[in-house]
Amino acid sequence: AFSSNYTLYGDISRRFMSVLAQFVPPEEQEIYSIDECFLDFTHQPH
């Protein structure tokens, strides 16, 4: 069992989102929660 370490989780989340940001323009990324992210690939049809 671990105690909640939100400082660690928040920083890893930021790194996670920055990796996903490489795949779409900024306006086509929606950070939904600390561990979930929507990406819009509509303008990359192929």
All heavy atoms as atom14 arrays in JSON, in Angstrom:
{
  "sequence": "AFSSNYTLYGDISRRFMSVLAQFVPPEEQEIYSIDECFLDFTHQPH",
  "atom14_mask": [
    [1, 1, 1, 1, 1, 0, 0, 0, 0, 0, 0, 0, 0, 0],
    [1, 1, 1, 1, 1, 1, 1, 1, 1, 1, 1, 0, 0, 0],
    [1, 1, 1, 1, 1, 1, 0, 0, 0, 0, 0, 0, 0, 0],
    [1, 1, 1, 1, 1, 1, 0, 0, 0, 0, 0, 0, 0, 0],
    [1, 1, 1, 1, 1, 1, 1, 1, 0, 0, 0, 0, 0, 0],
    [1, 1, 1, 1, 1, 1, 1, 1, 1, 1, 1, 1, 0, 0],
    [1, 1, 1, 1, 1, 1, 1, 0, 0, 0, 0, 0, 0, 0],
    [1, 1, 1, 1, 1, 1, 1, 1, 0, 0, 0, 0, 0, 0],
    [1, 1, 1, 1, 1, 1, 1, 1, 1, 1, 1, 1, 0, 0],
    [1, 1, 1, 1, 0, 0, 0, 0, 0, 0, 0, 0, 0, 0],
    [1, 1, 1, 1, 1, 1, 1, 1, 0, 0, 0, 0, 0, 0],
    [1, 1, 1, 1, 1, 1, 1, 1, 0, 0, 0, 0, 0, 0],
    [1, 1, 1, 1, 1, 1, 0, 0, 0, 0, 0, 0, 0, 0],
    [1, 1, 1, 1, 1, 1, 1, 1, 1, 1, 1, 0, 0, 0],
    [1, 1, 1, 1, 1, 1, 1, 1, 1, 1, 1, 0, 0, 0],
    [1, 1, 1, 1, 1, 1, 1, 1, 1, 1, 1, 0, 0, 0],
    [1, 1, 1, 1, 1, 1, 1, 1, 0, 0, 0, 0, 0, 0],
    [1, 1, 1, 1, 1, 1, 0, 0, 0, 0, 0, 0, 0, 0],
    [1, 1, 1, 1, 1, 1, 1, 0, 0, 0, 0, 0, 0, 0],
    [1, 1, 1, 1, 1, 1, 1, 1, 0, 0, 0, 0, 0, 0],
    [1, 1, 1, 1, 1, 0, 0, 0, 0, 0, 0, 0, 0, 0],
    [1, 1, 1, 1, 1, 1, 1, 1, 1, 0, 0, 0, 0, 0],
    [1, 1, 1, 1, 1, 1, 1, 1, 1, 1, 1, 0, 0, 0],
    [1, 1, 1, 1, 1, 1, 1, 0, 0, 0, 0, 0, 0, 0],
    [1, 1, 1, 1, 1, 1, 1, 0, 0, 0, 0, 0, 0, 0],
    [1, 1, 1, 1, 1, 1, 1, 0, 0, 0, 0, 0, 0, 0],
    [1, 1, 1, 1, 1, 1, 1, 1, 1, 0, 0, 0, 0, 0],
    [1, 1, 1, 1, 1, 1, 1, 1, 1, 0, 0, 0, 0, 0],
    [1, 1, 1, 1, 1, 1, 1, 1, 1, 0, 0, 0, 0, 0],
    [1, 1, 1, 1, 1, 1, 1, 1, 1, 0, 0, 0, 0, 0],
    [1, 1, 1, 1, 1, 1, 1, 1, 0, 0, 0, 0, 0, 0],
    [1, 1, 1, 1, 1, 1, 1, 1, 1, 1, 1, 1, 0, 0],
    [1, 1, 1, 1, 1, 1, 0, 0, 0, 0, 0, 0, 0, 0],
    [1, 1, 1, 1, 1, 1, 1, 1, 0, 0, 0, 0, 0, 0],
    [1, 1, 1, 1, 1, 1, 1, 1, 0, 0, 0, 0, 0, 0],
    [1, 1, 1, 1, 1, 1, 1, 1, 1, 0, 0, 0, 0, 0],
    [1, 1, 1, 1, 1, 1, 0, 0, 0, 0, 0, 0, 0, 0],
    [1, 1, 1, 1, 1, 1, 1, 1, 1, 1, 1, 0, 0, 0],
    [1, 1, 1, 1, 1, 1, 1, 1, 0, 0, 0, 0, 0, 0],
    [1, 1, 1, 1, 1, 1, 1, 1, 0, 0, 0, 0, 0, 0],
    [1, 1, 1, 1, 1, 1, 1, 1, 1, 1, 1, 0, 0, 0],
    [1, 1, 1, 1, 1, 1, 1, 0, 0, 0, 0, 0, 0, 0],
    [1, 1, 1, 1, 1, 1, 1, 1, 1, 1, 0, 0, 0, 0],
    [1, 1, 1, 1, 1, 1, 1, 1, 1, 0, 0, 0, 0, 0],
    [1, 1, 1, 1, 1, 1, 1, 0, 0, 0, 0, 0, 0, 0],
    [1, 1, 1, 1, 1, 1, 1, 1, 1, 1, 0, 0, 0, 0]
  ],
  "atom14_positions": [
    [[0.83, -1.2, 0.0], [0.0, 0.0, 0.0], [0.87, 1.26, 0.0], [1.85, 1.35, 0.72], [-0.93, 0.0, 1.21], [0.0, 0.0, 0.0], [0.0, 0.0, 0.0], [0.0, 0.0, 0.0], [0.0, 0.0, 0.0], [0.0, 0.0, 0.0], [0.0, 0.0, 0.0], [0.0, 0.0, 0.0], [0.0, 0.0, 0.0], [0.0, 0.0, 0.0]],
    [[0.47, 2.23, -0.83], [1.14, 3.53, -0.88], [0.15, 4.63, -0.51], [-1.04, 4.56, -0.85], [1.67, 3.82, -2.29], [2.89, 3.03, -2.66], [2.78, 1.8, -3.29], [4.16, 3.51, -2.37], [3.9, 1.07, -3.63], [5.29, 2.78, -2.71], [5.16, 1.56, -3.34], [0.0, 0.0, 0.0], [0.0, 0.0, 0.0], [0.0, 0.0, 0.0]],
    [[0.66, 5.65, 0.2], [-0.13, 6.85, 0.42], [-0.18, 7.67, -0.87], [0.76, 7.66, -1.66], [0.49, 7.69, 1.55], [0.63, 6.93, 2.73], [0.0, 0.0, 0.0], [0.0, 0.0, 0.0], [0.0, 0.0, 0.0], [0.0, 0.0, 0.0], [0.0, 0.0, 0.0], [0.0, 0.0, 0.0], [0.0, 0.0, 0.0], [0.0, 0.0, 0.0]],
    [[-1.27, 8.39, -1.08], [-1.41, 9.21, -2.28], [-0.31, 10.27, -2.35], [-0.14, 11.06, -1.42], [-2.78, 9.9, -2.28], [-3.82, 8.97, -2.34], [0.0, 0.0, 0.0], [0.0, 0.0, 0.0], [0.0, 0.0, 0.0], [0.0, 0.0, 0.0], [0.0, 0.0, 0.0], [0.0, 0.0, 0.0], [0.0, 0.0, 0.0], [0.0, 0.0, 0.0]],
    [[0.42, 10.27, -3.47], [1.5, 11.23, -3.68], [1.13, 12.09, -4.89], [1.59, 11.86, -6.0], [2.82, 10.48, -3.94], [4.02, 11.41, -3.97], [3.9, 12.62, -4.16], [5.2, 10.85, -3.78], [0.0, 0.0, 0.0], [0.0, 0.0, 0.0], [0.0, 0.0, 0.0], [0.0, 0.0, 0.0], [0.0, 0.0, 0.0], [0.0, 0.0, 0.0]],
    [[0.27, 13.09, -4.65], [-0.27, 13.86, -5.76], [0.77, 14.75, -6.44], [0.61, 15.1, -7.61], [-1.47, 14.68, -5.29], [-2.62, 13.81, -4.84], [-3.05, 13.8, -3.52], [-3.25, 12.97, -5.74], [-4.07, 12.97, -3.1], [-4.29, 12.14, -5.33], [-4.69, 12.15, -4.01], [-5.71, 11.33, -3.6], [0.0, 0.0, 0.0], [0.0, 0.0, 0.0]],
    [[1.82, 15.09, -5.73], [2.91, 15.85, -6.36], [3.56, 15.01, -7.46], [3.79, 15.48, -8.58], [3.95, 16.26, -5.32], [3.33, 17.04, -4.31], [5.07, 17.06, -5.97], [0.0, 0.0, 0.0], [0.0, 0.0, 0.0], [0.0, 0.0, 0.0], [0.0, 0.0, 0.0], [0.0, 0.0, 0.0], [0.0, 0.0, 0.0], [0.0, 0.0, 0.0]],
    [[3.86, 13.76, -7.14], [4.44, 12.84, -8.12], [3.48, 12.59, -9.26], [3.85, 12.66, -10.45], [4.82, 11.52, -7.44], [5.35, 10.41, -8.35], [6.69, 10.8, -8.95], [5.47, 9.09, -7.58], [0.0, 0.0, 0.0], [0.0, 0.0, 0.0], [0.0, 0.0, 0.0], [0.0, 0.0, 0.0], [0.0, 0.0, 0.0], [0.0, 0.0, 0.0]],
    [[2.22, 12.29, -8.95], [1.24, 11.96, -9.99], [1.01, 13.14, -10.93], [0.9, 12.97, -12.14], [-0.1, 11.53, -9.37], [0.01, 10.44, -8.32], [-0.93, 10.33, -7.31], [1.06, 9.53, -8.34], [-0.84, 9.34, -6.34], [1.16, 8.53, -7.37], [0.22, 8.46, -6.37], [0.32, 7.48, -5.41], [0.0, 0.0, 0.0], [0.0, 0.0, 0.0]],
    [[0.96, 14.35, -10.37], [0.74, 15.53, -11.19], [1.87, 15.76, -12.18], [1.64, 16.1, -13.35], [0.0, 0.0, 0.0], [0.0, 0.0, 0.0], [0.0, 0.0, 0.0], [0.0, 0.0, 0.0], [0.0, 0.0, 0.0], [0.0, 0.0, 0.0], [0.0, 0.0, 0.0], [0.0, 0.0, 0.0], [0.0, 0.0, 0.0], [0.0, 0.0, 0.0]],
    [[3.11, 15.55, -11.72], [4.25, 15.78, -12.61], [4.32, 14.72, -13.7], [4.59, 15.03, -14.86], [5.55, 15.79, -11.79], [6.75, 16.2, -12.63], [6.76, 17.34, -13.13], [7.66, 15.38, -12.81], [0.0, 0.0, 0.0], [0.0, 0.0, 0.0], [0.0, 0.0, 0.0], [0.0, 0.0, 0.0], [0.0, 0.0, 0.0], [0.0, 0.0, 0.0]],
    [[4.08, 13.47, -13.36], [4.08, 12.4, -14.37], [2.95, 12.63, -15.38], [3.11, 12.4, -16.57], [3.97, 11.02, -13.7], [5.26, 10.72, -12.93], [3.72, 9.93, -14.74], [5.25, 9.4, -12.18], [0.0, 0.0, 0.0], [0.0, 0.0, 0.0], [0.0, 0.0, 0.0], [0.0, 0.0, 0.0], [0.0, 0.0, 0.0], [0.0, 0.0, 0.0]],
    [[1.82, 13.13, -14.9], [0.7, 13.45, -15.79], [1.11, 14.51, -16.81], [0.79, 14.4, -18.0], [-0.51, 13.92, -14.99], [-1.55, 14.34, -15.84], [0.0, 0.0, 0.0], [0.0, 0.0, 0.0], [0.0, 0.0, 0.0], [0.0, 0.0, 0.0], [0.0, 0.0, 0.0], [0.0, 0.0, 0.0], [0.0, 0.0, 0.0], [0.0, 0.0, 0.0]],
    [[1.79, 15.54, -16.35], [2.24, 16.6, -17.27], [3.17, 16.04, -18.34], [3.1, 16.42, -19.52], [2.92, 17.72, -16.49], [1.96, 18.61, -15.73], [2.67, 19.82, -15.14], [3.55, 19.46, -14.05], [3.15, 19.38, -12.78], [1.89, 19.61, -12.45], [4.01, 19.05, -11.83], [0.0, 0.0, 0.0], [0.0, 0.0, 0.0], [0.0, 0.0, 0.0]],
    [[4.05, 15.13, -17.96], [4.95, 14.51, -18.92], [4.16, 13.66, -19.92], [4.46, 13.66, -21.13], [5.99, 13.66, -18.19], [6.92, 14.47, -17.28], [7.7, 13.59, -16.32], [8.44, 14.37, -15.35], [9.76, 14.43, -15.27], [10.49, 13.72, -16.11], [10.35, 15.19, -14.38], [0.0, 0.0, 0.0], [0.0, 0.0, 0.0], [0.0, 0.0, 0.0]],
    [[3.17, 12.93, -19.42], [2.31, 12.09, -20.24], [1.59, 12.94, -21.3], [1.59, 12.61, -22.49], [1.32, 11.38, -19.3], [0.18, 10.67, -19.95], [0.34, 9.91, -21.11], [-1.09, 10.71, -19.37], [-0.73, 9.23, -21.68], [-2.16, 10.04, -19.94], [-1.98, 9.31, -21.09], [0.0, 0.0, 0.0], [0.0, 0.0, 0.0], [0.0, 0.0, 0.0]],
    [[1.01, 14.04, -20.88], [0.28, 14.91, -21.8], [1.21, 15.57, -22.82], [0.83, 15.79, -23.98], [-0.5, 15.98, -21.03], [-1.51, 15.42, -20.03], [-2.72, 14.3, -20.81], [-3.58, 13.66, -19.35], [0.0, 0.0, 0.0], [0.0, 0.0, 0.0], [0.0, 0.0, 0.0], [0.0, 0.0, 0.0], [0.0, 0.0, 0.0], [0.0, 0.0, 0.0]],
    [[2.43, 15.88, -22.41], [3.37, 16.49, -23.35], [3.79, 15.53, -24.45], [4.04, 15.94, -25.59], [4.61, 17.0, -22.6], [5.38, 15.93, -22.09], [0.0, 0.0, 0.0], [0.0, 0.0, 0.0], [0.0, 0.0, 0.0], [0.0, 0.0, 0.0], [0.0, 0.0, 0.0], [0.0, 0.0, 0.0], [0.0, 0.0, 0.0], [0.0, 0.0, 0.0]],
    [[3.85, 14.23, -24.15], [4.15, 13.23, -25.18], [3.0, 13.18, -26.19], [3.22, 13.19, -27.41], [4.39, 11.84, -24.55], [4.56, 10.79, -25.66], [5.61, 11.85, -23.65], [0.0, 0.0, 0.0], [0.0, 0.0, 0.0], [0.0, 0.0, 0.0], [0.0, 0.0, 0.0], [0.0, 0.0, 0.0], [0.0, 0.0, 0.0], [0.0, 0.0, 0.0]],
    [[1.77, 13.14, -25.71], [0.61, 13.07, -26.6], [0.47, 14.33, -27.44], [-0.06, 14.28, -28.56], [-0.67, 12.84, -25.78], [-0.73, 11.53, -25.0], [-2.05, 11.43, -24.24], [-0.56, 10.32, -25.92], [0.0, 0.0, 0.0], [0.0, 0.0, 0.0], [0.0, 0.0, 0.0], [0.0, 0.0, 0.0], [0.0, 0.0, 0.0], [0.0, 0.0, 0.0]],
    [[0.95, 15.46, -26.93], [0.87, 16.73, -27.66], [1.67, 16.71, -28.96], [1.46, 17.55, -29.83], [1.33, 17.88, -26.77], [0.0, 0.0, 0.0], [0.0, 0.0, 0.0], [0.0, 0.0, 0.0], [0.0, 0.0, 0.0], [0.0, 0.0, 0.0], [0.0, 0.0, 0.0], [0.0, 0.0, 0.0], [0.0, 0.0, 0.0], [0.0, 0.0, 0.0]],
    [[2.55, 15.74, -29.11], [3.36, 15.64, -30.32], [2.55, 15.12, -31.52], [2.99, 15.22, -32.65], [4.56, 14.72, -30.08], [5.49, 15.18, -28.97], [6.54, 14.15, -28.65], [6.64, 13.11, -29.3], [7.34, 14.41, -27.63], [0.0, 0.0, 0.0], [0.0, 0.0, 0.0], [0.0, 0.0, 0.0], [0.0, 0.0, 0.0], [0.0, 0.0, 0.0]],
    [[1.37, 14.56, -31.28], [0.63, 13.9, -32.34], [-0.46, 14.76, -32.99], [-0.94, 14.44, -34.08], [0.0, 12.61, -31.8], [1.01, 11.55, -31.44], [1.59, 11.51, -30.19], [1.4, 10.61, -32.38], [2.52, 10.55, -29.86], [2.34, 9.64, -32.07], [2.91, 9.62, -30.8], [0.0, 0.0, 0.0], [0.0, 0.0, 0.0], [0.0, 0.0, 0.0]],
    [[-0.84, 15.85, -32.33], [-1.89, 16.72, -32.87], [-1.56, 18.17, -32.54], [-0.78, 18.45, -31.62], [-3.29, 16.38, -32.28], [-3.77, 15.01, -32.74], [-3.27, 16.47, -30.77], [0.0, 0.0, 0.0], [0.0, 0.0, 0.0], [0.0, 0.0, 0.0], [0.0, 0.0, 0.0], [0.0, 0.0, 0.0], [0.0, 0.0, 0.0], [0.0, 0.0, 0.0]],
    [[-2.15, 19.14, -33.27], [-1.99, 20.55, -32.9], [-2.61, 20.82, -31.52], [-3.46, 20.06, -31.06], [-2.77, 21.29, -34.0], [-2.9, 20.33, -35.12], [-2.93, 18.97, -34.51], [0.0, 0.0, 0.0], [0.0, 0.0, 0.0], [0.0, 0.0, 0.0], [0.0, 0.0, 0.0], [0.0, 0.0, 0.0], [0.0, 0.0, 0.0], [0.0, 0.0, 0.0]],
    [[-2.2, 21.9, -30.84], [-2.68, 22.19, -29.49], [-4.2, 22.23, -29.36], [-4.76, 21.76, -28.37], [-2.06, 23.56, -29.18], [-0.86, 23.64, -30.06], [-1.2, 22.89, -31.3], [0.0, 0.0, 0.0], [0.0, 0.0, 0.0], [0.0, 0.0, 0.0], [0.0, 0.0, 0.0], [0.0, 0.0, 0.0], [0.0, 0.0, 0.0], [0.0, 0.0, 0.0]],
    [[-4.87, 22.81, -30.38], [-6.33, 22.94, -30.31], [-7.05, 21.6, -30.49], [-8.27, 21.52, -30.28], [-6.84, 23.95, -31.35], [-6.65, 23.53, -32.81], [-5.28, 23.92, -33.37], [-4.39, 24.29, -32.59], [-5.11, 23.84, -34.61], [0.0, 0.0, 0.0], [0.0, 0.0, 0.0], [0.0, 0.0, 0.0], [0.0, 0.0, 0.0], [0.0, 0.0, 0.0]],
    [[-6.32, 20.55, -30.84], [-6.93, 19.24, -31.05], [-6.54, 18.24, -29.97], [-6.65, 17.04, -30.14], [-6.59, 18.72, -32.45], [-7.25, 19.58, -33.55], [-6.86, 19.23, -34.96], [-5.96, 18.36, -35.14], [-7.41, 19.83, -35.89], [0.0, 0.0, 0.0], [0.0, 0.0, 0.0], [0.0, 0.0, 0.0], [0.0, 0.0, 0.0], [0.0, 0.0, 0.0]],
    [[-6.08, 18.78, -28.84], [-5.81, 17.97, -27.66], [-6.67, 18.49, -26.51], [-6.69, 19.68, -26.21], [-4.33, 18.03, -27.25], [-4.02, 17.23, -25.98], [-2.56, 17.34, -25.54], [-1.89, 18.31, -25.84], [-2.06, 16.34, -24.82], [0.0, 0.0, 0.0], [0.0, 0.0, 0.0], [0.0, 0.0, 0.0], [0.0, 0.0, 0.0], [0.0, 0.0, 0.0]],
    [[-7.39, 17.6, -25.86], [-8.2, 17.95, -24.7], [-7.78, 17.08, -23.53], [-7.98, 15.86, -23.54], [-9.69, 17.76, -24.96], [-10.56, 18.06, -23.73], [-12.02, 17.75, -23.91], [-12.52, 17.82, -25.06], [-12.69, 17.41, -22.91], [0.0, 0.0, 0.0], [0.0, 0.0, 0.0], [0.0, 0.0, 0.0], [0.0, 0.0, 0.0], [0.0, 0.0, 0.0]],
    [[-7.18, 17.69, -22.52], [-6.8, 16.97, -21.3], [-8.05, 16.82, -20.46], [-8.55, 17.78, -19.88], [-5.69, 17.72, -20.55], [-4.44, 17.83, -21.43], [-5.36, 17.01, -19.24], [-3.33, 18.68, -20.85], [0.0, 0.0, 0.0], [0.0, 0.0, 0.0], [0.0, 0.0, 0.0], [0.0, 0.0, 0.0], [0.0, 0.0, 0.0], [0.0, 0.0, 0.0]],
    [[-8.56, 15.61, -20.4], [-9.84, 15.37, -19.74], [-9.68, 15.16, -18.24], [-10.52, 15.6, -17.46], [-10.52, 14.15, -20.38], [-11.88, 13.85, -19.78], [-12.96, 14.69, -20.01], [-12.07, 12.73, -18.99], [-14.2, 14.42, -19.45], [-13.3, 12.45, -18.43], [-14.37, 13.3, -18.66], [-15.59, 13.03, -18.1], [0.0, 0.0, 0.0], [0.0, 0.0, 0.0]],
    [[-8.63, 14.48, -17.83], [-8.36, 14.26, -16.41], [-6.87, 14.02, -16.24], [-6.1, 14.11, -17.2], [-9.17, 13.08, -15.87], [-8.71, 11.86, -16.43], [0.0, 0.0, 0.0], [0.0, 0.0, 0.0], [0.0, 0.0, 0.0], [0.0, 0.0, 0.0], [0.0, 0.0, 0.0], [0.0, 0.0, 0.0], [0.0, 0.0, 0.0], [0.0, 0.0, 0.0]],
    [[-6.44, 13.71, -15.04], [-5.02, 13.52, -14.76], [-4.42, 12.38, -15.57], [-3.23, 12.4, -15.9], [-4.79, 13.3, -13.25], [-3.3, 13.41, -12.9], [-5.37, 11.95, -12.8], [-3.01, 13.42, -11.41], [0.0, 0.0, 0.0], [0.0, 0.0, 0.0], [0.0, 0.0, 0.0], [0.0, 0.0, 0.0], [0.0, 0.0, 0.0], [0.0, 0.0, 0.0]],
    [[-5.26, 11.41, -15.97], [-4.74, 10.24, -16.69], [-5.47, 9.95, -18.0], [-5.29, 8.88, -18.58], [-4.8, 9.0, -15.8], [-6.22, 8.64, -15.38], [-7.12, 9.49, -15.53], [-6.43, 7.5, -14.9], [0.0, 0.0, 0.0], [0.0, 0.0, 0.0], [0.0, 0.0, 0.0], [0.0, 0.0, 0.0], [0.0, 0.0, 0.0], [0.0, 0.0, 0.0]],
    [[-6.27, 10.9, -18.49], [-7.03, 10.71, -19.73], [-6.88, 11.92, -20.64], [-6.93, 13.06, -20.18], [-8.52, 10.49, -19.45], [-8.86, 9.24, -18.67], [-10.34, 9.18, -18.36], [-10.78, 9.91, -17.44], [-11.07, 8.44, -19.03], [0.0, 0.0, 0.0], [0.0, 0.0, 0.0], [0.0, 0.0, 0.0], [0.0, 0.0, 0.0], [0.0, 0.0, 0.0]],
    [[-6.79, 11.65, -21.94], [-6.62, 12.73, -22.9], [-7.31, 12.38, -24.21], [-7.12, 11.28, -24.75], [-5.12, 12.97, -23.13], [-4.77, 14.35, -24.26], [0.0, 0.0, 0.0], [0.0, 0.0, 0.0], [0.0, 0.0, 0.0], [0.0, 0.0, 0.0], [0.0, 0.0, 0.0], [0.0, 0.0, 0.0], [0.0, 0.0, 0.0], [0.0, 0.0, 0.0]],
    [[-8.13, 13.3, -24.72], [-8.75, 13.15, -26.03], [-7.85, 13.8, -27.09], [-7.3, 14.88, -26.87], [-10.13, 13.81, -26.08], [-11.21, 13.04, -25.38], [-11.67, 13.45, -24.13], [-11.78, 11.93, -25.98], [-12.68, 12.75, -23.49], [-12.79, 11.22, -25.34], [-13.24, 11.63, -24.09], [0.0, 0.0, 0.0], [0.0, 0.0, 0.0], [0.0, 0.0, 0.0]],
    [[-7.74, 13.16, -28.24], [-7.02, 13.7, -29.38], [-7.94, 13.65, -30.6], [-8.62, 12.65, -30.83], [-5.74, 12.89, -29.66], [-4.74, 12.77, -28.5], [-3.65, 11.77, -28.86], [-4.14, 14.11, -28.14], [0.0, 0.0, 0.0], [0.0, 0.0, 0.0], [0.0, 0.0, 0.0], [0.0, 0.0, 0.0], [0.0, 0.0, 0.0], [0.0, 0.0, 0.0]],
    [[-7.94, 14.73, -31.39], [-8.8, 14.8, -32.57], [-7.95, 14.62, -33.83], [-7.14, 15.47, -34.18], [-9.51, 16.16, -32.6], [-10.62, 16.21, -33.66], [-10.64, 15.33, -34.54], [-11.46, 17.13, -33.61], [0.0, 0.0, 0.0], [0.0, 0.0, 0.0], [0.0, 0.0, 0.0], [0.0, 0.0, 0.0], [0.0, 0.0, 0.0], [0.0, 0.0, 0.0]],
    [[-8.16, 13.49, -34.51], [-7.42, 13.17, -35.72], [-8.27, 13.39, -36.98], [-7.91, 12.91, -38.07], [-6.93, 11.71, -35.69], [-5.84, 11.46, -34.69], [-6.13, 10.86, -33.47], [-4.54, 11.82, -34.95], [-5.13, 10.61, -32.54], [-3.52, 11.59, -34.03], [-3.83, 10.98, -32.82], [0.0, 0.0, 0.0], [0.0, 0.0, 0.0], [0.0, 0.0, 0.0]],
    [[-9.37, 14.13, -36.84], [-10.28, 14.34, -37.97], [-9.59, 14.97, -39.17], [-9.86, 14.63, -40.32], [-11.48, 15.21, -37.54], [-12.12, 14.63, -36.39], [-12.49, 15.34, -38.66], [0.0, 0.0, 0.0], [0.0, 0.0, 0.0], [0.0, 0.0, 0.0], [0.0, 0.0, 0.0], [0.0, 0.0, 0.0], [0.0, 0.0, 0.0], [0.0, 0.0, 0.0]],
    [[-8.67, 15.88, -38.89], [-7.96, 16.59, -39.96], [-6.74, 15.84, -40.45], [-5.92, 16.38, -41.21], [-7.59, 18.0, -39.51], [-8.79, 18.84, -39.16], [-9.14, 19.14, -37.87], [-9.75, 19.38, -39.96], [-10.25, 19.87, -37.87], [-10.64, 20.02, -39.12], [0.0, 0.0, 0.0], [0.0, 0.0, 0.0], [0.0, 0.0, 0.0], [0.0, 0.0, 0.0]],
    [[-6.6, 14.6, -40.03], [-5.56, 13.71, -40.55], [-6.25, 12.44, -41.07], [-6.05, 11.35, -40.54], [-4.54, 13.38, -39.46], [-3.87, 14.6, -38.82], [-2.85, 14.22, -37.76], [-1.88, 13.5, -38.03], [-3.03, 14.71, -36.55], [0.0, 0.0, 0.0], [0.0, 0.0, 0.0], [0.0, 0.0, 0.0], [0.0, 0.0, 0.0], [0.0, 0.0, 0.0]],
    [[-7.06, 12.57, -42.14], [-7.94, 11.48, -42.59], [-7.2, 10.24, -43.09], [-7.76, 9.15, -43.1], [-8.77, 12.12, -43.7], [-7.93, 13.26, -44.19], [-7.21, 13.78, -42.99], [0.0, 0.0, 0.0], [0.0, 0.0, 0.0], [0.0, 0.0, 0.0], [0.0, 0.0, 0.0], [0.0, 0.0, 0.0], [0.0, 0.0, 0.0], [0.0, 0.0, 0.0]],
    [[-5.96, 10.42, -43.56], [-5.23, 9.28, -44.13], [-4.41, 8.53, -43.07], [-3.75, 7.54, -43.4], [-4.32, 9.76, -45.26], [-5.07, 10.49, -46.35], [-6.04, 9.86, -47.12], [-5.01, 11.77, -46.78], [-6.54, 10.73, -47.99], [-5.94, 11.9, -47.8], [0.0, 0.0, 0.0], [0.0, 0.0, 0.0], [0.0, 0.0, 0.0], [0.0, 0.0, 0.0]]
  ]
}
